[in-house]
Amino acid sequence: MSDKMLKFVNIGQQNPPKREILDRKDDFNEIYNDFIKEKAEEQSSRCSQCGVPFCQVHCPLSNNIPDWLKLTAEGRLKEAYELSQSTNNMPEVCGRICPQDRLCEGNCVIEQSGHGTVTIGSVEKYITDTAWKEGWVKPIKVKSEKSQSVGIIGAGPAGLAAAEELRKVGYQITIYDRYDRSGGLLIYGIPNFKLEKFVVERRTKLLEDGGIKFVQNFEVGKDASLDQLRERHDAILIATGVYKAREIDLPGKDLANIFPAMDFLTASNKKGLGDKVELFENGTLNAEGKDIVVIGGGDTAMDCVRTSIRQNAKSVKCLYRRDKQNMPGSAREVANAEEEGVEFVWLSSPKEFVGKNKVESLIVDKIKLGDPDDSGRRKPEVQDNSEFNIKADIVIKALGFDPENLPNLFNSKNLQVTKWGTLKVDFDTMESNIPGVFAAGDIVRGASLVVWAIRDGRDVANSIRKFLEKNVSKSVKVA
């Protein structure tokens, strides 16, 4: 084993430094500074190279983390990048937005032994950003073109990952997306301070340079039915994600200025991309000078509260029905939000929205945690006579996402769904009940992490390849 490793006893855990709080609250730039070479090597050298790498076991992509940490510690960055990208189609994205504290870093052996985790995510980001800077990241070069084509519906992480894997082996790939930019949630859902948009745009351009065709502003069911797309292609992948906001059925829910999280985040991200956003410009979806209340405790809620801070809100409160220890979102994100001035109202649940035409306040119940429910989490219970009032100019609902009604939306009534509204697929092949139509990502598993979407995209690409190899090639069809 290299003498550069196992230095966790003598070298402490260190993340890249955060920008000063007052500075980062004034813009949407990423909050972490980059590792310098020496620090990246030093932190990588803390890896214990354990026999059973729990970091890798708990990574949805089974990334070869100990190996590329060792290569980084030895200064062999190009080799580290090659290894990193061999299992991950977007390592620069995962290094920025994966909840490492719940996945690889949270299960690091030296973290469990009290020495502080290896800062895996920051090293992954450093490796790939260096690769882009040095020109090591190259477009796909196909050795042998195939005549068969695959149509992919959705340009989010699952669709992009599948497209890359299938294009590598020569298939003709067309990605259809209803938005004006590719990237899905990566572009319009995740704020710049976590993922700057150039990171996504250069990745999608790389795929385009590798021969993948993108068709934007294309709605399946409107511009073409699913059956019509099946006529154009030898196989179809549905990777649309889930975007339908979960509702909250309370008195006053129809008052103005109560918005789903994605409406608020999309307006902010489009503004950051230089688009003209009327609802932002006229103040409707702009938090400036307003009392903002966000309902929810996941990563989307954290994105909303931290965006509101950067839009110069008068106050920002986050209501969550459990306590801090039971937040479903990243503990790291909660800490960042607290540093930036977000007030968390733990053990609270909205009871009623109050106002004349638009929301003016919320009546909120205090909550206590009772016995565990079926999931093992302690069940929130309303305390009697505990209600209190919170002022609000805008309320943002960050309660999660459900699937849209795809059979009807796609004008394809035969497409089977589960009782949860997600697409029903064979667990082994990821093929739907319609031959040659596959599905992957959140539209199958429900709202989940980007890293799981990438994993699903890679897996379904393998199933599609096997399907196409069994079928007679058709001539390439023009989309």
Protein backbone atom coordinates (compact mmCIF):
# COMPACT_ATOMS: atom_id res chain seq x y z
CA MET A 1 0.00 0.00 0.00
CA SER A 2 1.20 3.51 -0.79
CA ASP A 3 2.93 5.29 2.09
CA LYS A 4 0.82 8.31 1.19
CA MET A 5 -2.35 6.78 2.70
CA LEU A 6 -3.80 6.13 6.20
CA LYS A 7 -2.89 9.60 7.47
CA PHE A 8 -6.21 10.19 9.22
CA VAL A 9 -4.56 9.89 12.66
CA ASN A 10 -2.22 12.82 12.04
CA ILE A 11 -4.28 14.91 9.61
CA GLY A 12 -7.73 16.18 10.58
CA GLN A 13 -10.82 16.46 8.42
CA GLN A 14 -10.99 19.65 6.39
CA ASN A 15 -13.55 20.78 3.82
CA PRO A 16 -12.80 23.49 1.27
CA PRO A 17 -13.41 26.83 3.00
CA LYS A 18 -16.84 28.41 2.66
CA ARG A 19 -17.14 31.95 1.45
CA GLU A 20 -17.94 34.49 4.15
CA ILE A 21 -21.62 34.47 5.08
CA LEU A 22 -22.25 38.14 4.26
CA ASP A 23 -20.61 37.72 0.87
CA ARG A 24 -22.41 34.54 -0.16
CA LYS A 25 -25.84 35.90 0.88
CA ASP A 26 -25.46 38.66 -1.69
CA ASP A 27 -25.11 36.42 -4.75
CA PHE A 28 -25.98 33.02 -6.17
CA ASN A 29 -22.42 31.77 -6.65
CA GLU A 30 -21.40 28.42 -5.15
CA ILE A 31 -20.56 28.81 -1.48
CA TYR A 32 -17.52 26.52 -1.29
CA ASN A 33 -14.14 27.59 -2.59
CA ASP A 34 -12.20 25.03 -4.60
CA PHE A 35 -9.64 22.72 -3.03
CA ILE A 36 -6.09 23.59 -3.96
CA LYS A 37 -3.94 20.70 -5.17
CA GLU A 38 -2.06 20.25 -1.91
CA LYS A 39 -5.22 20.16 0.21
CA ALA A 40 -6.97 17.72 -2.14
CA GLU A 41 -4.01 15.38 -1.94
CA GLU A 42 -3.77 15.81 1.82
CA GLN A 43 -7.44 15.06 2.46
CA SER A 44 -7.35 12.08 0.08
CA SER A 45 -4.38 10.70 2.00
CA ARG A 46 -6.59 10.35 5.09
CA CYS A 47 -8.44 7.41 3.46
CA SER A 48 -7.92 4.20 5.43
CA GLN A 49 -8.18 2.00 2.30
CA CYS A 50 -10.35 -0.38 4.34
CA GLY A 51 -11.01 -3.93 3.16
CA VAL A 52 -14.76 -3.36 2.97
CA PRO A 53 -15.20 0.20 1.60
CA PHE A 54 -18.52 1.26 3.11
CA CYS A 55 -18.29 4.56 1.22
CA GLN A 56 -18.52 2.60 -2.02
CA VAL A 57 -21.16 0.22 -0.66
CA HIS A 58 -23.43 3.16 0.19
CA CYS A 59 -22.90 4.96 -3.12
CA PRO A 60 -25.78 4.25 -5.54
CA LEU A 61 -23.24 4.22 -8.38
CA SER A 62 -20.74 2.03 -6.51
CA ASN A 63 -18.06 4.57 -7.31
CA ASN A 64 -14.51 3.28 -6.79
CA ILE A 65 -13.92 5.88 -4.10
CA PRO A 66 -10.90 4.43 -2.25
CA ASP A 67 -9.07 3.89 -5.54
CA TRP A 68 -9.49 7.41 -6.86
CA LEU A 69 -8.68 8.86 -3.44
CA LYS A 70 -5.41 6.92 -3.50
CA LEU A 71 -4.62 8.16 -7.03
CA THR A 72 -5.38 11.74 -5.96
CA ALA A 73 -3.11 11.43 -2.92
CA GLU A 74 -0.33 10.26 -5.25
CA GLY A 75 -0.88 13.21 -7.60
CA ARG A 76 -2.16 10.96 -10.43
CA LEU A 77 -5.18 13.13 -11.17
CA LYS A 78 -5.81 12.10 -14.76
CA GLU A 79 -6.00 8.46 -13.71
CA ALA A 80 -8.24 9.46 -10.80
CA TYR A 81 -10.57 11.23 -13.22
CA GLU A 82 -10.68 8.28 -15.63
CA LEU A 83 -11.64 5.98 -12.77
CA SER A 84 -14.19 8.41 -11.39
CA GLN A 85 -15.98 8.95 -14.70
CA SER A 86 -16.00 5.23 -15.51
CA THR A 87 -18.89 4.70 -13.08
CA ASN A 88 -20.44 8.18 -13.03
CA ASN A 89 -21.69 10.19 -16.00
CA MET A 90 -21.72 13.44 -14.03
CA PRO A 91 -19.07 13.35 -11.28
CA GLU A 92 -18.79 17.14 -11.25
CA VAL A 93 -22.53 17.33 -10.48
CA CYS A 94 -22.54 14.62 -7.81
CA GLY A 95 -19.51 16.17 -6.13
CA ARG A 96 -21.53 19.34 -5.69
CA ILE A 97 -25.06 18.23 -4.83
CA CYS A 98 -25.00 14.65 -3.52
CA PRO A 99 -25.93 14.44 0.18
CA GLN A 100 -22.57 12.88 1.00
CA ASP A 101 -23.33 13.18 4.71
CA ARG A 102 -26.09 10.59 4.21
CA LEU A 103 -24.24 8.41 1.68
CA CYS A 104 -20.49 7.92 1.20
CA GLU A 105 -19.10 10.30 3.83
CA GLY A 106 -21.73 9.36 6.39
CA ASN A 107 -20.60 5.73 6.16
CA CYS A 108 -16.85 6.35 6.03
CA VAL A 109 -15.04 3.98 8.40
CA ILE A 110 -12.84 6.67 9.92
CA GLU A 111 -15.93 8.85 10.44
CA GLN A 112 -17.47 6.02 12.45
CA SER A 113 -14.26 5.69 14.48
CA GLY A 114 -14.34 9.36 15.45
CA HIS A 115 -11.61 10.76 13.20
CA GLY A 116 -13.88 12.70 10.85
CA THR A 117 -14.84 11.55 7.39
CA VAL A 118 -12.72 11.87 4.27
CA THR A 119 -14.20 14.81 2.33
CA ILE A 120 -15.14 12.60 -0.61
CA GLY A 121 -17.53 14.95 -2.38
CA SER A 122 -15.11 17.87 -2.43
CA VAL A 123 -12.31 15.67 -3.78
CA GLU A 124 -14.65 14.30 -6.49
CA LYS A 125 -15.50 17.86 -7.51
CA TYR A 126 -11.82 18.83 -7.52
CA ILE A 127 -10.84 15.85 -9.69
CA THR A 128 -13.47 16.53 -12.34
CA ASP A 129 -13.11 20.31 -12.38
CA THR A 130 -9.39 19.77 -12.92
CA ALA A 131 -10.18 17.36 -15.76
CA TRP A 132 -12.34 19.97 -17.50
CA LYS A 133 -9.68 22.63 -16.99
CA GLU A 134 -6.93 20.40 -18.38
CA GLY A 135 -8.98 19.25 -21.39
CA TRP A 136 -9.19 15.60 -20.32
CA VAL A 137 -12.97 15.51 -20.77
CA LYS A 138 -13.65 14.62 -24.40
CA PRO A 139 -16.81 14.15 -26.49
CA ILE A 140 -17.91 10.61 -27.30
CA LYS A 141 -16.11 9.10 -30.27
CA VAL A 142 -18.12 6.27 -31.77
CA LYS A 143 -16.04 3.52 -33.34
CA SER A 144 -18.91 1.89 -35.20
CA GLU A 145 -22.24 3.60 -35.92
CA LYS A 146 -25.40 1.52 -35.57
CA SER A 147 -28.53 2.08 -37.61
CA GLN A 148 -30.90 1.58 -34.70
CA SER A 149 -32.17 4.65 -32.86
CA VAL A 150 -33.44 5.38 -29.37
CA GLY A 151 -35.80 8.20 -28.47
CA ILE A 152 -35.41 9.49 -24.92
CA ILE A 153 -38.18 11.56 -23.34
CA GLY A 154 -36.66 13.84 -20.71
CA ALA A 155 -33.28 15.57 -20.59
CA GLY A 156 -32.73 15.19 -16.85
CA PRO A 157 -29.96 13.14 -15.24
CA ALA A 158 -31.53 9.72 -15.97
CA GLY A 159 -32.13 10.53 -19.62
CA LEU A 160 -28.70 12.11 -20.10
CA ALA A 161 -26.88 9.20 -18.46
CA ALA A 162 -28.74 6.64 -20.57
CA ALA A 163 -28.13 8.68 -23.71
CA GLU A 164 -24.38 8.78 -23.10
CA GLU A 165 -24.11 5.06 -22.41
CA LEU A 166 -26.10 4.13 -25.52
CA ARG A 167 -24.27 6.60 -27.73
CA LYS A 168 -20.90 5.15 -26.63
CA VAL A 169 -21.80 1.88 -28.33
CA GLY A 170 -23.00 3.60 -31.50
CA TYR A 171 -26.78 3.98 -31.28
CA GLN A 172 -28.49 7.02 -32.78
CA ILE A 173 -29.91 9.03 -29.89
CA THR A 174 -32.54 11.76 -29.86
CA ILE A 175 -33.57 13.39 -26.57
CA TYR A 176 -36.96 15.13 -26.44
CA ASP A 177 -37.59 17.65 -23.66
CA ARG A 178 -40.45 20.02 -23.00
CA TYR A 179 -38.23 22.80 -21.65
CA ASP A 180 -36.06 25.24 -23.58
CA ARG A 181 -32.85 23.95 -21.97
CA SER A 182 -31.57 20.48 -21.21
CA GLY A 183 -30.81 19.33 -17.70
CA GLY A 184 -34.26 19.07 -16.12
CA LEU A 185 -34.09 19.58 -12.37
CA LEU A 186 -30.36 20.35 -12.63
CA ILE A 187 -31.13 23.52 -14.61
CA TYR A 188 -34.42 24.78 -13.23
CA GLY A 189 -34.80 23.14 -9.83
CA ILE A 190 -31.41 23.39 -8.11
CA PRO A 191 -30.14 26.89 -7.29
CA ASN A 192 -26.81 28.23 -8.53
CA PHE A 193 -25.29 28.39 -5.05
CA LYS A 194 -25.31 24.58 -5.09
CA LEU A 195 -24.83 23.96 -8.80
CA GLU A 196 -23.79 26.73 -11.16
CA LYS A 197 -25.51 26.31 -14.50
CA PHE A 198 -22.37 26.35 -16.63
CA VAL A 199 -21.56 22.97 -15.06
CA VAL A 200 -24.73 21.48 -16.55
CA GLU A 201 -24.52 23.35 -19.85
CA ARG A 202 -20.99 22.21 -20.63
CA ARG A 203 -22.00 18.60 -19.91
CA THR A 204 -25.01 18.70 -22.26
CA LYS A 205 -22.89 20.42 -24.93
CA LEU A 206 -20.35 17.61 -24.60
CA LEU A 207 -23.11 15.08 -25.31
CA GLU A 208 -24.30 17.12 -28.29
CA ASP A 209 -20.74 17.26 -29.62
CA GLY A 210 -20.70 13.47 -29.30
CA GLY A 211 -23.59 13.10 -31.73
CA ILE A 212 -26.63 13.11 -29.44
CA LYS A 213 -29.51 15.13 -30.87
CA PHE A 214 -31.57 17.36 -28.56
CA VAL A 215 -35.11 18.48 -29.43
CA GLN A 216 -36.24 21.19 -26.99
CA ASN A 217 -39.71 22.63 -26.38
CA PHE A 218 -41.19 19.28 -27.37
CA GLU A 219 -44.19 17.92 -25.47
CA VAL A 220 -45.09 14.27 -25.90
CA GLY A 221 -48.84 14.03 -26.30
CA LYS A 222 -48.97 17.45 -27.93
CA ASP A 223 -46.20 17.63 -30.55
CA ALA A 224 -46.27 13.86 -31.06
CA SER A 225 -47.89 10.95 -29.26
CA LEU A 226 -45.92 8.17 -27.64
CA ASP A 227 -47.06 5.83 -30.43
CA GLN A 228 -45.77 8.24 -33.06
CA LEU A 229 -42.38 8.35 -31.33
CA ARG A 230 -42.35 4.55 -31.30
CA GLU A 231 -42.70 4.65 -35.08
CA ARG A 232 -39.64 6.90 -35.33
CA HIS A 233 -37.36 4.86 -33.06
CA ASP A 234 -36.41 1.27 -32.33
CA ALA A 235 -36.74 1.83 -28.57
CA ILE A 236 -38.10 4.54 -26.29
CA LEU A 237 -36.98 5.59 -22.83
CA ILE A 238 -39.29 7.62 -20.61
CA ALA A 239 -37.21 9.61 -18.12
CA THR A 240 -39.43 12.58 -17.39
CA GLY A 241 -38.94 12.79 -13.64
CA VAL A 242 -41.74 13.86 -11.29
CA TYR A 243 -42.72 17.53 -11.13
CA LYS A 244 -46.31 17.64 -9.90
CA ALA A 245 -46.32 19.41 -6.52
CA ARG A 246 -47.97 17.71 -3.58
CA GLU A 247 -50.85 19.76 -2.30
CA ILE A 248 -51.74 20.72 1.24
CA ASP A 249 -55.46 20.51 1.91
CA LEU A 250 -56.08 23.27 4.44
CA PRO A 251 -58.56 26.14 4.77
CA GLY A 252 -57.38 29.09 2.71
CA LYS A 253 -55.27 26.98 0.34
CA ASP A 254 -56.65 28.87 -2.68
CA LEU A 255 -55.49 32.29 -1.50
CA ALA A 256 -53.04 34.10 -3.76
CA ASN A 257 -49.28 34.05 -3.07
CA ILE A 258 -49.19 30.38 -2.05
CA PHE A 259 -46.83 28.71 -4.53
CA PRO A 260 -45.33 25.28 -5.25
CA ALA A 261 -41.58 25.16 -4.70
CA MET A 262 -40.75 24.49 -8.35
CA ASP A 263 -42.60 27.64 -9.49
CA PHE A 264 -40.48 29.72 -7.13
CA LEU A 265 -37.18 28.00 -7.91
CA THR A 266 -37.75 27.95 -11.68
CA ALA A 267 -38.45 31.69 -11.74
CA SER A 268 -35.26 32.36 -9.79
CA ASN A 269 -33.13 30.06 -11.95
CA LYS A 270 -34.51 31.48 -15.20
CA LYS A 271 -33.75 34.97 -13.96
CA GLY A 272 -30.22 33.86 -13.16
CA LEU A 273 -29.87 32.45 -16.67
CA GLY A 274 -30.74 35.85 -18.12
CA ASP A 275 -34.32 35.13 -19.15
CA LYS A 276 -37.11 37.66 -18.87
CA VAL A 277 -39.36 36.35 -16.10
CA GLU A 278 -42.50 38.45 -15.81
CA LEU A 279 -43.69 36.95 -12.52
CA PHE A 280 -40.30 37.69 -10.98
CA GLU A 281 -40.07 41.19 -12.42
CA ASN A 282 -43.54 42.20 -11.14
CA GLY A 283 -42.72 40.87 -7.67
CA THR A 284 -45.10 37.90 -7.65
CA LEU A 285 -42.33 35.27 -7.37
CA ASN A 286 -39.72 37.58 -5.88
CA ALA A 287 -39.01 37.38 -2.14
CA GLU A 288 -37.42 40.81 -1.83
CA GLY A 289 -38.69 42.73 1.21
CA LYS A 290 -41.26 40.07 2.09
CA ASP A 291 -41.93 37.68 4.94
CA ILE A 292 -41.42 34.21 3.47
CA VAL A 293 -42.68 30.97 4.97
CA VAL A 294 -41.54 27.63 3.51
CA ILE A 295 -43.39 24.46 4.48
CA GLY A 296 -41.30 21.27 4.36
CA GLY A 297 -38.05 19.76 5.58
CA GLY A 298 -36.31 18.25 2.57
CA ASP A 299 -33.57 19.51 0.29
CA THR A 300 -36.10 21.37 -1.89
CA ALA A 301 -37.24 23.33 1.16
CA MET A 302 -33.60 24.20 1.87
CA ASP A 303 -33.22 25.42 -1.71
CA CYS A 304 -36.27 27.66 -1.26
CA VAL A 305 -35.25 29.22 2.05
CA ARG A 306 -31.70 29.88 0.90
CA THR A 307 -32.93 31.36 -2.39
CA SER A 308 -35.26 33.66 -0.43
CA ILE A 309 -32.32 34.90 1.65
CA ARG A 310 -30.43 35.79 -1.53
CA GLN A 311 -33.44 37.63 -2.89
CA ASN A 312 -33.27 39.89 0.20
CA ALA A 313 -36.41 38.68 1.93
CA LYS A 314 -37.46 40.57 5.04
CA SER A 315 -37.65 37.30 6.99
CA VAL A 316 -37.48 33.60 6.12
CA LYS A 317 -39.06 30.89 8.23
CA CYS A 318 -39.14 27.14 7.62
CA LEU A 319 -41.95 25.11 9.19
CA TYR A 320 -41.28 21.43 9.78
CA ARG A 321 -43.47 19.04 11.72
CA ARG A 322 -40.61 17.05 13.24
CA ASP A 323 -37.43 18.14 15.01
CA LYS A 324 -34.00 18.92 13.62
CA GLN A 325 -32.72 15.39 14.20
CA ASN A 326 -35.50 13.99 11.99
CA MET A 327 -35.14 16.34 9.04
CA PRO A 328 -35.20 14.38 5.76
CA GLY A 329 -32.88 16.86 4.06
CA SER A 330 -29.11 17.11 4.26
CA ALA A 331 -27.84 18.20 7.68
CA ARG A 332 -25.15 20.14 5.82
CA GLU A 333 -27.78 22.14 3.96
CA VAL A 334 -29.69 22.86 7.17
CA ALA A 335 -26.49 24.17 8.76
CA ASN A 336 -25.82 26.40 5.75
CA ALA A 337 -29.36 27.77 5.92
CA GLU A 338 -29.06 28.52 9.64
CA GLU A 339 -25.75 30.33 9.06
CA GLU A 340 -27.40 32.48 6.40
CA GLY A 341 -30.23 33.61 8.67
CA VAL A 342 -33.11 31.19 8.10
CA GLU A 343 -35.32 30.67 11.16
CA PHE A 344 -36.45 27.08 11.62
CA VAL A 345 -39.73 26.57 13.44
CA TRP A 346 -39.37 22.96 14.52
CA LEU A 347 -42.28 20.76 15.58
CA SER A 348 -44.84 22.93 13.83
CA SER A 349 -47.56 22.26 11.28
CA PRO A 350 -49.77 24.73 9.38
CA LYS A 351 -53.46 24.58 10.27
CA GLU A 352 -54.95 27.36 8.17
CA PHE A 353 -53.96 30.03 5.66
CA VAL A 354 -55.41 33.42 6.59
CA GLY A 355 -56.09 36.42 4.35
CA LYS A 356 -58.68 38.22 2.25
CA ASN A 357 -57.59 37.73 -1.34
CA LYS A 358 -53.99 36.75 -0.74
CA VAL A 359 -52.28 35.04 2.17
CA GLU A 360 -51.41 37.32 5.08
CA SER A 361 -50.56 34.82 7.81
CA LEU A 362 -50.70 31.19 8.88
CA ILE A 363 -52.30 29.62 11.89
CA VAL A 364 -49.82 26.98 13.05
CA ASP A 365 -50.15 24.09 15.51
CA LYS A 366 -47.35 22.99 17.80
CA ILE A 367 -46.42 19.34 17.38
CA LYS A 368 -45.12 16.64 19.68
CA LEU A 369 -43.60 13.36 18.52
CA GLY A 370 -45.54 10.27 19.49
CA ASP A 371 -44.97 6.57 18.98
CA PRO A 372 -43.16 5.31 15.86
CA ASP A 373 -45.30 4.79 12.75
CA ASP A 374 -44.98 2.00 10.15
CA SER A 375 -41.80 3.58 8.80
CA GLY A 376 -40.17 3.58 12.23
CA ARG A 377 -40.26 7.37 12.55
CA ARG A 378 -42.05 8.93 15.50
CA LYS A 379 -45.46 10.16 14.44
CA PRO A 380 -46.21 13.91 14.67
CA GLU A 381 -49.18 14.68 16.92
CA VAL A 382 -50.87 18.06 17.32
CA GLN A 383 -50.69 19.52 20.82
CA ASP A 384 -54.07 20.68 22.14
CA ASN A 385 -54.69 24.44 22.27
CA SER A 386 -51.20 25.17 20.96
CA GLU A 387 -51.89 27.23 17.84
CA PHE A 388 -50.01 30.41 17.08
CA ASN A 389 -49.81 32.88 14.18
CA ILE A 390 -46.99 33.55 11.70
CA LYS A 391 -47.03 36.50 9.30
CA ALA A 392 -46.48 35.65 5.64
CA ASP A 393 -46.43 37.57 2.37
CA ILE A 394 -45.49 34.45 0.38
CA VAL A 395 -45.94 30.80 1.35
CA ILE A 396 -43.90 28.17 -0.53
CA LYS A 397 -45.00 24.54 -0.45
CA ALA A 398 -42.01 22.18 -0.51
CA LEU A 399 -43.83 18.97 0.35
CA GLY A 400 -42.43 16.73 -2.37
CA PHE A 401 -43.43 15.74 -5.88
CA ASP A 402 -45.79 13.26 -7.48
CA PRO A 403 -45.92 11.90 -11.05
CA GLU A 404 -48.04 13.59 -13.68
CA ASN A 405 -50.77 11.57 -15.35
CA LEU A 406 -48.52 10.15 -18.06
CA PRO A 407 -50.95 7.79 -19.79
CA ASN A 408 -53.24 10.72 -20.59
CA LEU A 409 -50.47 13.31 -20.89
CA PHE A 410 -48.68 11.16 -23.45
CA ASN A 411 -51.93 10.29 -25.22
CA SER A 412 -51.18 6.63 -24.51
CA LYS A 413 -53.89 5.02 -22.41
CA ASN A 414 -52.27 1.57 -22.62
CA LEU A 415 -49.21 2.63 -20.61
CA GLN A 416 -49.52 1.01 -17.18
CA VAL A 417 -48.82 2.83 -13.93
CA THR A 418 -48.57 1.75 -10.31
CA LYS A 419 -51.00 2.73 -7.56
CA TRP A 420 -48.65 5.64 -6.80
CA GLY A 421 -48.87 6.94 -10.37
CA THR A 422 -45.30 6.00 -11.27
CA LEU A 423 -44.66 3.98 -14.41
CA LYS A 424 -44.90 0.24 -13.95
CA VAL A 425 -41.83 -1.59 -15.25
CA ASP A 426 -40.23 -4.99 -15.04
CA PHE A 427 -37.72 -4.71 -12.20
CA ASP A 428 -35.08 -6.68 -14.08
CA THR A 429 -35.33 -5.06 -17.52
CA MET A 430 -36.95 -1.68 -16.69
CA GLU A 431 -39.27 -2.27 -19.67
CA SER A 432 -42.88 -1.12 -19.42
CA ASN A 433 -45.88 -3.18 -20.48
CA ILE A 434 -45.44 -1.75 -24.00
CA PRO A 435 -42.67 -3.65 -25.83
CA GLY A 436 -39.64 -1.50 -26.52
CA VAL A 437 -40.74 1.28 -24.14
CA PHE A 438 -38.54 1.58 -21.06
CA ALA A 439 -38.57 3.93 -18.09
CA ALA A 440 -36.00 5.08 -15.54
CA GLY A 441 -35.38 7.60 -12.81
CA ASP A 442 -37.93 9.37 -10.64
CA ILE A 443 -40.83 8.46 -12.95
CA VAL A 444 -40.29 4.87 -11.79
CA ARG A 445 -38.94 5.18 -8.24
CA GLY A 446 -40.65 8.43 -7.21
CA ALA A 447 -38.89 11.64 -6.21
CA SER A 448 -35.33 10.72 -5.29
CA LEU A 449 -31.71 11.79 -5.59
CA VAL A 450 -29.85 12.80 -8.75
CA VAL A 451 -27.28 10.06 -8.11
CA TRP A 452 -30.04 7.42 -8.18
CA ALA A 453 -31.35 8.85 -11.47
CA ILE A 454 -27.86 8.50 -12.98
CA ARG A 455 -27.67 4.94 -11.71
CA ASP A 456 -31.07 4.14 -13.25
CA GLY A 457 -30.04 5.74 -16.54
CA ARG A 458 -26.95 3.55 -16.72
CA ASP A 459 -28.91 0.41 -15.84
CA VAL A 460 -31.70 1.02 -18.34
CA ALA A 461 -29.15 1.72 -21.10
CA ASN A 462 -27.84 -1.80 -20.63
CA SER A 463 -31.37 -3.23 -20.86
CA ILE A 464 -32.14 -1.21 -23.99
CA ARG A 465 -28.91 -2.38 -25.61
CA LYS A 466 -29.84 -6.01 -24.95
CA PHE A 467 -33.34 -5.40 -26.34
CA LEU A 468 -31.99 -3.82 -29.53
CA GLU A 469 -29.47 -6.59 -30.07
CA LYS A 470 -32.32 -9.06 -30.19
CA ASN A 471 -34.24 -7.09 -32.79
CA VAL A 472 -33.65 -6.64 -36.49
CA SER A 473 -32.09 -3.26 -37.24
CA LYS A 474 -34.26 -0.63 -38.83
CA SER A 475 -33.06 2.23 -40.95
CA VAL A 476 -32.34 5.41 -39.04
CA LYS A 477 -35.45 7.55 -38.84
CA VAL A 478 -35.34 11.30 -38.88
CA ALA A 479 -36.91 12.87 -35.77
